[in-house]
């Protein structure tokens, strides 16, 4: 039994996420990683030009590392 096309497309679709992981707590004072969102300086600079797959890779990494850090 093979997968239906709609099942494959749904499985490949990344989860709904905000447009950016930015939480307006921008700080890269002591290293190359923002203390608010967990992205590197380069990732922040190139975010708008990244495609969805590239952004998803960043999202997965920062979420695994406990980012973005939102005030709760």
Protein backbone atom coordinates (compact mmCIF):
# COMPACT_ATOMS: atom_id res chain seq x y z
CA UNK A 1 0.00 0.00 0.00
CA UNK A 2 1.57 3.29 -1.07
CA UNK A 3 1.15 6.72 0.48
CA UNK A 4 -1.43 9.02 -1.02
CA UNK A 5 -0.06 12.25 -2.55
CA UNK A 6 -1.95 14.40 -0.04
CA UNK A 7 -0.40 12.42 2.85
CA UNK A 8 3.09 12.94 1.44
CA UNK A 9 2.51 16.66 0.92
CA UNK A 10 1.17 17.09 4.45
CA UNK A 11 4.13 15.22 5.92
CA UNK A 12 6.60 17.39 3.97
CA UNK A 13 4.96 20.69 4.96
CA UNK A 14 6.84 22.39 7.79
CA UNK A 15 4.87 23.31 10.91
CA UNK A 16 3.26 26.72 11.15
CA UNK A 17 5.78 29.11 12.65
CA UNK A 18 6.02 32.88 13.14
CA UNK A 19 7.70 34.77 10.29
CA UNK A 20 10.83 35.08 12.42
CA UNK A 21 12.13 33.67 15.68
CA UNK A 22 13.02 37.23 16.79
CA UNK A 23 11.70 38.12 20.25
CA UNK A 24 13.07 41.70 20.27
CA UNK A 25 15.74 40.80 22.82
CA UNK A 26 18.66 41.24 20.47
CA UNK A 27 22.09 40.73 21.95
CA UNK A 28 25.24 39.35 20.38
CA UNK A 29 27.56 41.30 22.66
CA UNK A 30 29.68 38.40 23.90
CA UNK A 31 29.44 35.91 21.06
CA UNK A 32 27.98 35.33 17.59
CA UNK A 33 24.64 33.98 18.86
CA UNK A 34 21.68 36.17 19.75
CA UNK A 35 20.63 35.62 23.36
CA UNK A 36 16.97 36.19 22.46
CA UNK A 37 16.35 34.03 19.40
CA UNK A 38 19.43 31.79 19.24
CA UNK A 39 20.32 32.61 15.65
CA UNK A 40 23.84 33.45 14.59
CA UNK A 41 24.67 36.92 13.35
CA UNK A 42 24.81 35.53 9.79
CA UNK A 43 21.41 33.82 10.15
CA UNK A 44 19.84 37.06 11.38
CA UNK A 45 21.41 39.02 8.51
CA UNK A 46 20.32 36.54 5.84
CA UNK A 47 16.92 35.51 7.27
CA UNK A 48 14.87 37.44 4.71
CA UNK A 49 16.71 35.80 1.81
CA UNK A 50 16.53 32.23 3.17
CA UNK A 51 14.06 29.82 1.66
CA UNK A 52 11.57 27.87 3.79
CA UNK A 53 13.79 24.78 4.03
CA UNK A 54 16.78 26.80 5.25
CA UNK A 55 14.62 28.58 7.82
CA UNK A 56 13.21 25.26 9.03
CA UNK A 57 16.73 23.95 9.66
CA UNK A 58 17.46 27.01 11.80
CA UNK A 59 14.10 26.69 13.60
CA UNK A 60 14.76 23.05 14.47
CA UNK A 61 18.22 23.85 15.87
CA UNK A 62 17.16 26.83 17.95
CA UNK A 63 14.10 25.07 19.35
CA UNK A 64 16.29 22.09 20.35
CA UNK A 65 18.61 24.54 22.12
CA UNK A 66 15.77 26.16 24.08
CA UNK A 67 15.27 29.25 21.95
CA UNK A 68 13.59 31.56 21.23
CA UNK A 69 13.53 32.86 24.80
CA UNK A 70 10.34 34.76 25.30
CA UNK A 71 9.38 36.68 28.42
CA UNK A 72 6.54 34.80 30.11
